[in-house]
Amino acid sequence: MFQDLNKQFNASMGPLKALVEIQTRMLETLTRQQMECAKACVEKTLSQTHELSRCASPEDIVKLQAAFAHELEEALSATNSSNMEALNKAREEMESLTQSAISAFAPNAPKK
């Protein structure tokens, strides 16, 4: 009896385990993307600092700053897009998991 109860408990925990796996993958992806973004920003800042020493006029500095701001904006926008893709993928997987779990307990439940 205990073995049957243990099997039933483990089977019922399957969706929760899957949910934890989805969240873990999502967080790993987001963390990796954020680390890459931070690294790119630091590299751009160091490059900018190095280039500032080569500027001969205030106009050169303004142009350099504008280019730096544009590059930084592109890097942040790309990371934002990647983050949203990872979040949407995780949401879709969670919705699918939830729908299948609901269907298992309530076969007549309306589906999306």
N, C-alpha and C. Protein backbone atom coordinates (compact mmCIF):
# COMPACT_ATOMS: atom_id res chain seq x y z
N MET A 1 0.81 -1.20 0.00
CA MET A 1 0.00 0.00 0.00
C MET A 1 0.86 1.26 0.00
N PHE A 2 1.92 1.25 0.82
CA PHE A 2 2.79 2.41 0.87
C PHE A 2 3.46 2.65 -0.48
N GLN A 3 3.85 1.57 -1.15
CA GLN A 3 4.50 1.70 -2.46
C GLN A 3 3.53 2.30 -3.48
N ASP A 4 2.28 1.86 -3.44
CA ASP A 4 1.28 2.41 -4.36
C ASP A 4 1.06 3.89 -4.09
N LEU A 5 0.98 4.24 -2.81
CA LEU A 5 0.79 5.64 -2.43
C LEU A 5 1.99 6.48 -2.86
N ASN A 6 3.18 5.93 -2.70
CA ASN A 6 4.40 6.63 -3.10
C ASN A 6 4.44 6.83 -4.62
N LYS A 7 4.06 5.81 -5.40
CA LYS A 7 4.02 5.93 -6.86
C LYS A 7 3.00 7.00 -7.28
N GLN A 8 1.85 6.99 -6.62
CA GLN A 8 0.80 7.95 -6.95
C GLN A 8 1.27 9.38 -6.63
N PHE A 9 1.94 9.51 -5.50
CA PHE A 9 2.46 10.83 -5.11
C PHE A 9 3.48 11.32 -6.13
N ASN A 10 4.42 10.44 -6.51
CA ASN A 10 5.45 10.83 -7.49
C ASN A 10 4.83 11.18 -8.84
N ALA A 11 3.81 10.43 -9.23
CA ALA A 11 3.13 10.73 -10.50
C ALA A 11 2.42 12.08 -10.44
N SER A 12 1.82 12.37 -9.30
CA SER A 12 1.11 13.64 -9.17
C SER A 12 2.07 14.83 -9.09
N MET A 13 3.31 14.58 -8.73
CA MET A 13 4.31 15.66 -8.66
C MET A 13 4.96 15.93 -10.01
N GLY A 14 4.65 15.11 -11.02
CA GLY A 14 5.25 15.28 -12.35
C GLY A 14 5.07 16.67 -12.93
N PRO A 15 3.85 17.22 -12.94
CA PRO A 15 3.69 18.57 -13.48
C PRO A 15 4.47 19.63 -12.70
N LEU A 16 4.56 19.46 -11.40
CA LEU A 16 5.32 20.43 -10.60
C LEU A 16 6.81 20.35 -10.94
N LYS A 17 7.30 19.14 -11.11
CA LYS A 17 8.71 18.97 -11.49
C LYS A 17 8.97 19.60 -12.87
N ALA A 18 8.04 19.39 -13.79
CA ALA A 18 8.18 19.98 -15.13
C ALA A 18 8.16 21.50 -15.05
N LEU A 19 7.30 22.04 -14.20
CA LEU A 19 7.24 23.50 -14.02
C LEU A 19 8.56 24.03 -13.49
N VAL A 20 9.14 23.34 -12.53
CA VAL A 20 10.44 23.76 -11.97
C VAL A 20 11.51 23.71 -13.06
N GLU A 21 11.49 22.68 -13.91
CA GLU A 21 12.46 22.58 -15.00
C GLU A 21 12.30 23.73 -15.99
N ILE A 22 11.07 24.08 -16.32
CA ILE A 22 10.82 25.21 -17.23
C ILE A 22 11.37 26.49 -16.64
N GLN A 23 11.07 26.72 -15.37
CA GLN A 23 11.54 27.94 -14.72
C GLN A 23 13.06 27.97 -14.62
N THR A 24 13.66 26.82 -14.35
CA THR A 24 15.12 26.75 -14.25
C THR A 24 15.77 27.09 -15.59
N ARG A 25 15.25 26.49 -16.68
CA ARG A 25 15.80 26.80 -18.01
C ARG A 25 15.64 28.28 -18.34
N MET A 26 14.47 28.84 -18.00
CA MET A 26 14.22 30.25 -18.28
C MET A 26 15.21 31.13 -17.51
N LEU A 27 15.39 30.84 -16.23
CA LEU A 27 16.29 31.66 -15.42
C LEU A 27 17.75 31.51 -15.87
N GLU A 28 18.14 30.30 -16.29
CA GLU A 28 19.50 30.12 -16.80
C GLU A 28 19.70 30.93 -18.07
N THR A 29 18.71 30.92 -18.94
CA THR A 29 18.79 31.69 -20.19
C THR A 29 18.86 33.19 -19.91
N LEU A 30 17.97 33.67 -19.04
CA LEU A 30 17.97 35.09 -18.71
C LEU A 30 19.28 35.51 -18.05
N THR A 31 19.80 34.68 -17.16
CA THR A 31 21.05 35.01 -16.49
C THR A 31 22.19 35.08 -17.48
N ARG A 32 22.25 34.09 -18.40
CA ARG A 32 23.32 34.09 -19.41
C ARG A 32 23.23 35.35 -20.29
N GLN A 33 22.00 35.69 -20.70
CA GLN A 33 21.82 36.86 -21.56
C GLN A 33 22.21 38.15 -20.82
N GLN A 34 21.85 38.24 -19.57
CA GLN A 34 22.19 39.44 -18.79
C GLN A 34 23.70 39.56 -18.58
N MET A 35 24.35 38.41 -18.36
CA MET A 35 25.81 38.44 -18.20
C MET A 35 26.49 38.87 -19.49
N GLU A 36 26.00 38.35 -20.62
CA GLU A 36 26.56 38.75 -21.92
C GLU A 36 26.34 40.24 -22.17
N CYS A 37 25.17 40.74 -21.81
CA CYS A 37 24.87 42.16 -21.99
C CYS A 37 25.78 43.02 -21.12
N ALA A 38 25.94 42.62 -19.86
CA ALA A 38 26.81 43.38 -18.96
C ALA A 38 28.25 43.38 -19.48
N LYS A 39 28.71 42.23 -19.98
CA LYS A 39 30.06 42.14 -20.53
C LYS A 39 30.20 43.06 -21.73
N ALA A 40 29.21 43.06 -22.62
CA ALA A 40 29.26 43.92 -23.80
C ALA A 40 29.28 45.39 -23.41
N CYS A 41 28.49 45.76 -22.40
CA CYS A 41 28.46 47.15 -21.95
C CYS A 41 29.80 47.58 -21.36
N VAL A 42 30.41 46.69 -20.58
CA VAL A 42 31.72 47.01 -20.01
C VAL A 42 32.76 47.15 -21.11
N GLU A 43 32.72 46.23 -22.08
CA GLU A 43 33.68 46.31 -23.19
C GLU A 43 33.50 47.60 -23.99
N LYS A 44 32.25 47.98 -24.23
CA LYS A 44 31.97 49.23 -24.96
C LYS A 44 32.46 50.45 -24.16
N THR A 45 32.28 50.40 -22.86
CA THR A 45 32.73 51.50 -22.01
C THR A 45 34.25 51.61 -22.02
N LEU A 46 34.93 50.48 -21.93
CA LEU A 46 36.40 50.49 -21.98
C LEU A 46 36.90 51.00 -23.33
N SER A 47 36.24 50.55 -24.40
CA SER A 47 36.60 51.01 -25.73
C SER A 47 36.38 52.51 -25.86
N GLN A 48 35.27 52.98 -25.31
CA GLN A 48 34.94 54.40 -25.34
C GLN A 48 36.00 55.21 -24.60
N THR A 49 36.39 54.71 -23.45
CA THR A 49 37.41 55.41 -22.65
C THR A 49 38.72 55.50 -23.42
N HIS A 50 39.08 54.42 -24.08
CA HIS A 50 40.32 54.40 -24.86
C HIS A 50 40.23 55.38 -26.04
N GLU A 51 39.09 55.42 -26.70
CA GLU A 51 38.91 56.31 -27.84
C GLU A 51 38.89 57.78 -27.44
N LEU A 52 38.44 58.07 -26.22
CA LEU A 52 38.39 59.47 -25.78
C LEU A 52 39.77 60.12 -25.79
N SER A 53 40.79 59.34 -25.50
CA SER A 53 42.15 59.91 -25.48
C SER A 53 42.61 60.33 -26.88
N ARG A 54 41.97 59.82 -27.92
CA ARG A 54 42.34 60.16 -29.30
C ARG A 54 41.58 61.36 -29.84
N CYS A 55 40.62 61.87 -29.11
CA CYS A 55 39.82 62.99 -29.58
C CYS A 55 40.64 64.28 -29.56
N ALA A 56 40.52 65.03 -30.62
CA ALA A 56 41.28 66.27 -30.75
C ALA A 56 40.43 67.50 -30.53
N SER A 57 39.11 67.35 -30.60
CA SER A 57 38.24 68.51 -30.47
C SER A 57 36.96 68.11 -29.74
N PRO A 58 36.22 69.12 -29.25
CA PRO A 58 34.94 68.82 -28.60
C PRO A 58 33.94 68.14 -29.55
N GLU A 59 34.02 68.47 -30.83
CA GLU A 59 33.14 67.84 -31.80
C GLU A 59 33.41 66.34 -31.90
N ASP A 60 34.69 65.96 -31.83
CA ASP A 60 35.05 64.55 -31.87
C ASP A 60 34.46 63.81 -30.65
N ILE A 61 34.51 64.48 -29.52
CA ILE A 61 33.97 63.88 -28.29
C ILE A 61 32.46 63.69 -28.40
N VAL A 62 31.78 64.69 -28.93
CA VAL A 62 30.33 64.60 -29.09
C VAL A 62 29.97 63.46 -30.04
N LYS A 63 30.69 63.35 -31.17
CA LYS A 63 30.44 62.27 -32.12
C LYS A 63 30.70 60.90 -31.49
N LEU A 64 31.78 60.82 -30.75
CA LEU A 64 32.12 59.57 -30.08
C LEU A 64 31.06 59.18 -29.06
N GLN A 65 30.59 60.16 -28.30
CA GLN A 65 29.55 59.90 -27.30
C GLN A 65 28.24 59.47 -27.96
N ALA A 66 27.91 60.09 -29.08
CA ALA A 66 26.68 59.72 -29.80
C ALA A 66 26.79 58.29 -30.32
N ALA A 67 27.93 57.94 -30.86
CA ALA A 67 28.13 56.57 -31.36
C ALA A 67 28.07 55.57 -30.20
N PHE A 68 28.67 55.94 -29.08
CA PHE A 68 28.65 55.08 -27.89
C PHE A 68 27.22 54.86 -27.40
N ALA A 69 26.46 55.92 -27.33
CA ALA A 69 25.06 55.81 -26.88
C ALA A 69 24.25 54.93 -27.84
N HIS A 70 24.50 55.08 -29.13
CA HIS A 70 23.79 54.28 -30.12
C HIS A 70 24.15 52.79 -29.98
N GLU A 71 25.42 52.49 -29.83
CA GLU A 71 25.86 51.10 -29.67
C GLU A 71 25.30 50.49 -28.39
N LEU A 72 25.29 51.27 -27.33
CA LEU A 72 24.76 50.79 -26.07
C LEU A 72 23.26 50.52 -26.17
N GLU A 73 22.56 51.42 -26.84
CA GLU A 73 21.13 51.23 -27.04
C GLU A 73 20.85 49.97 -27.85
N GLU A 74 21.63 49.72 -28.89
CA GLU A 74 21.45 48.51 -29.70
C GLU A 74 21.69 47.25 -28.87
N ALA A 75 22.73 47.27 -28.05
CA ALA A 75 23.03 46.11 -27.21
C ALA A 75 21.89 45.84 -26.21
N LEU A 76 21.39 46.90 -25.60
CA LEU A 76 20.30 46.74 -24.63
C LEU A 76 19.01 46.30 -25.31
N SER A 77 18.74 46.82 -26.48
CA SER A 77 17.54 46.42 -27.22
C SER A 77 17.61 44.96 -27.64
N ALA A 78 18.78 44.52 -28.09
CA ALA A 78 18.94 43.12 -28.49
C ALA A 78 18.75 42.19 -27.29
N THR A 79 19.30 42.58 -26.16
CA THR A 79 19.14 41.77 -24.95
C THR A 79 17.69 41.75 -24.52
N ASN A 80 17.02 42.90 -24.61
CA ASN A 80 15.60 42.96 -24.26
C ASN A 80 14.79 42.01 -25.14
N SER A 81 15.05 42.00 -26.42
CA SER A 81 14.33 41.11 -27.34
C SER A 81 14.57 39.64 -26.98
N SER A 82 15.81 39.32 -26.70
CA SER A 82 16.15 37.94 -26.32
C SER A 82 15.48 37.54 -25.02
N ASN A 83 15.46 38.46 -24.07
CA ASN A 83 14.81 38.19 -22.79
C ASN A 83 13.31 37.95 -22.99
N MET A 84 12.68 38.75 -23.81
CA MET A 84 11.25 38.59 -24.05
C MET A 84 10.96 37.26 -24.75
N GLU A 85 11.83 36.86 -25.66
CA GLU A 85 11.65 35.56 -26.32
C GLU A 85 11.71 34.42 -25.30
N ALA A 86 12.69 34.50 -24.39
CA ALA A 86 12.83 33.46 -23.36
C ALA A 86 11.62 33.44 -22.43
N LEU A 87 11.15 34.61 -22.05
CA LEU A 87 9.98 34.69 -21.18
C LEU A 87 8.72 34.17 -21.87
N ASN A 88 8.53 34.52 -23.12
CA ASN A 88 7.36 34.04 -23.87
C ASN A 88 7.40 32.54 -24.08
N LYS A 89 8.58 32.01 -24.36
CA LYS A 89 8.71 30.56 -24.53
C LYS A 89 8.34 29.86 -23.23
N ALA A 90 8.85 30.36 -22.10
CA ALA A 90 8.55 29.75 -20.80
C ALA A 90 7.05 29.86 -20.51
N ARG A 91 6.45 30.98 -20.82
CA ARG A 91 5.01 31.16 -20.59
C ARG A 91 4.21 30.15 -21.40
N GLU A 92 4.58 29.98 -22.67
CA GLU A 92 3.88 29.03 -23.52
C GLU A 92 4.00 27.60 -22.99
N GLU A 93 5.20 27.25 -22.54
CA GLU A 93 5.41 25.91 -21.99
C GLU A 93 4.60 25.73 -20.71
N MET A 94 4.55 26.76 -19.87
CA MET A 94 3.77 26.68 -18.63
C MET A 94 2.27 26.57 -18.92
N GLU A 95 1.81 27.32 -19.91
CA GLU A 95 0.40 27.24 -20.29
C GLU A 95 0.05 25.85 -20.79
N SER A 96 0.91 25.29 -21.60
CA SER A 96 0.68 23.95 -22.13
C SER A 96 0.67 22.92 -21.01
N LEU A 97 1.62 23.03 -20.10
CA LEU A 97 1.69 22.13 -18.96
C LEU A 97 0.44 22.25 -18.09
N THR A 98 0.03 23.47 -17.83
CA THR A 98 -1.16 23.71 -17.01
C THR A 98 -2.40 23.15 -17.68
N GLN A 99 -2.52 23.39 -18.98
CA GLN A 99 -3.69 22.89 -19.72
C GLN A 99 -3.73 21.37 -19.68
N SER A 100 -2.60 20.71 -19.87
CA SER A 100 -2.60 19.25 -19.85
C SER A 100 -2.89 18.72 -18.45
N ALA A 101 -2.41 19.41 -17.41
CA ALA A 101 -2.71 18.99 -16.04
C ALA A 101 -4.19 19.16 -15.73
N ILE A 102 -4.77 20.24 -16.18
CA ILE A 102 -6.21 20.49 -15.96
C ILE A 102 -7.02 19.45 -16.72
N SER A 103 -6.61 19.15 -17.94
CA SER A 103 -7.32 18.15 -18.75
C SER A 103 -7.29 16.77 -18.10
N ALA A 104 -6.19 16.47 -17.42
CA ALA A 104 -6.08 15.17 -16.76
C ALA A 104 -7.08 15.04 -15.62
N PHE A 105 -7.33 16.14 -14.92
CA PHE A 105 -8.23 16.10 -13.77
C PHE A 105 -9.68 16.43 -14.16
N ALA A 106 -9.84 17.21 -15.20
CA ALA A 106 -11.17 17.61 -15.63
C ALA A 106 -11.25 17.46 -17.16
N PRO A 107 -11.51 16.27 -17.64
CA PRO A 107 -11.49 16.05 -19.09
C PRO A 107 -12.45 16.91 -19.88
N ASN A 108 -13.49 17.42 -19.26
CA ASN A 108 -14.48 18.23 -19.96
C ASN A 108 -14.19 19.72 -19.87
N ALA A 109 -13.02 20.10 -19.33
CA ALA A 109 -12.68 21.51 -19.18
C ALA A 109 -12.47 22.13 -20.56
N PRO A 110 -12.87 23.40 -20.72
CA PRO A 110 -12.67 24.07 -22.02
C PRO A 110 -11.17 24.25 -22.32
N LYS A 111 -10.79 24.08 -23.57
CA LYS A 111 -9.39 24.23 -23.98
C LYS A 111 -9.22 25.54 -24.72
N LYS A 112 -8.02 26.07 -24.65
CA LYS A 112 -7.68 27.30 -25.37
C LYS A 112 -7.44 27.02 -26.81
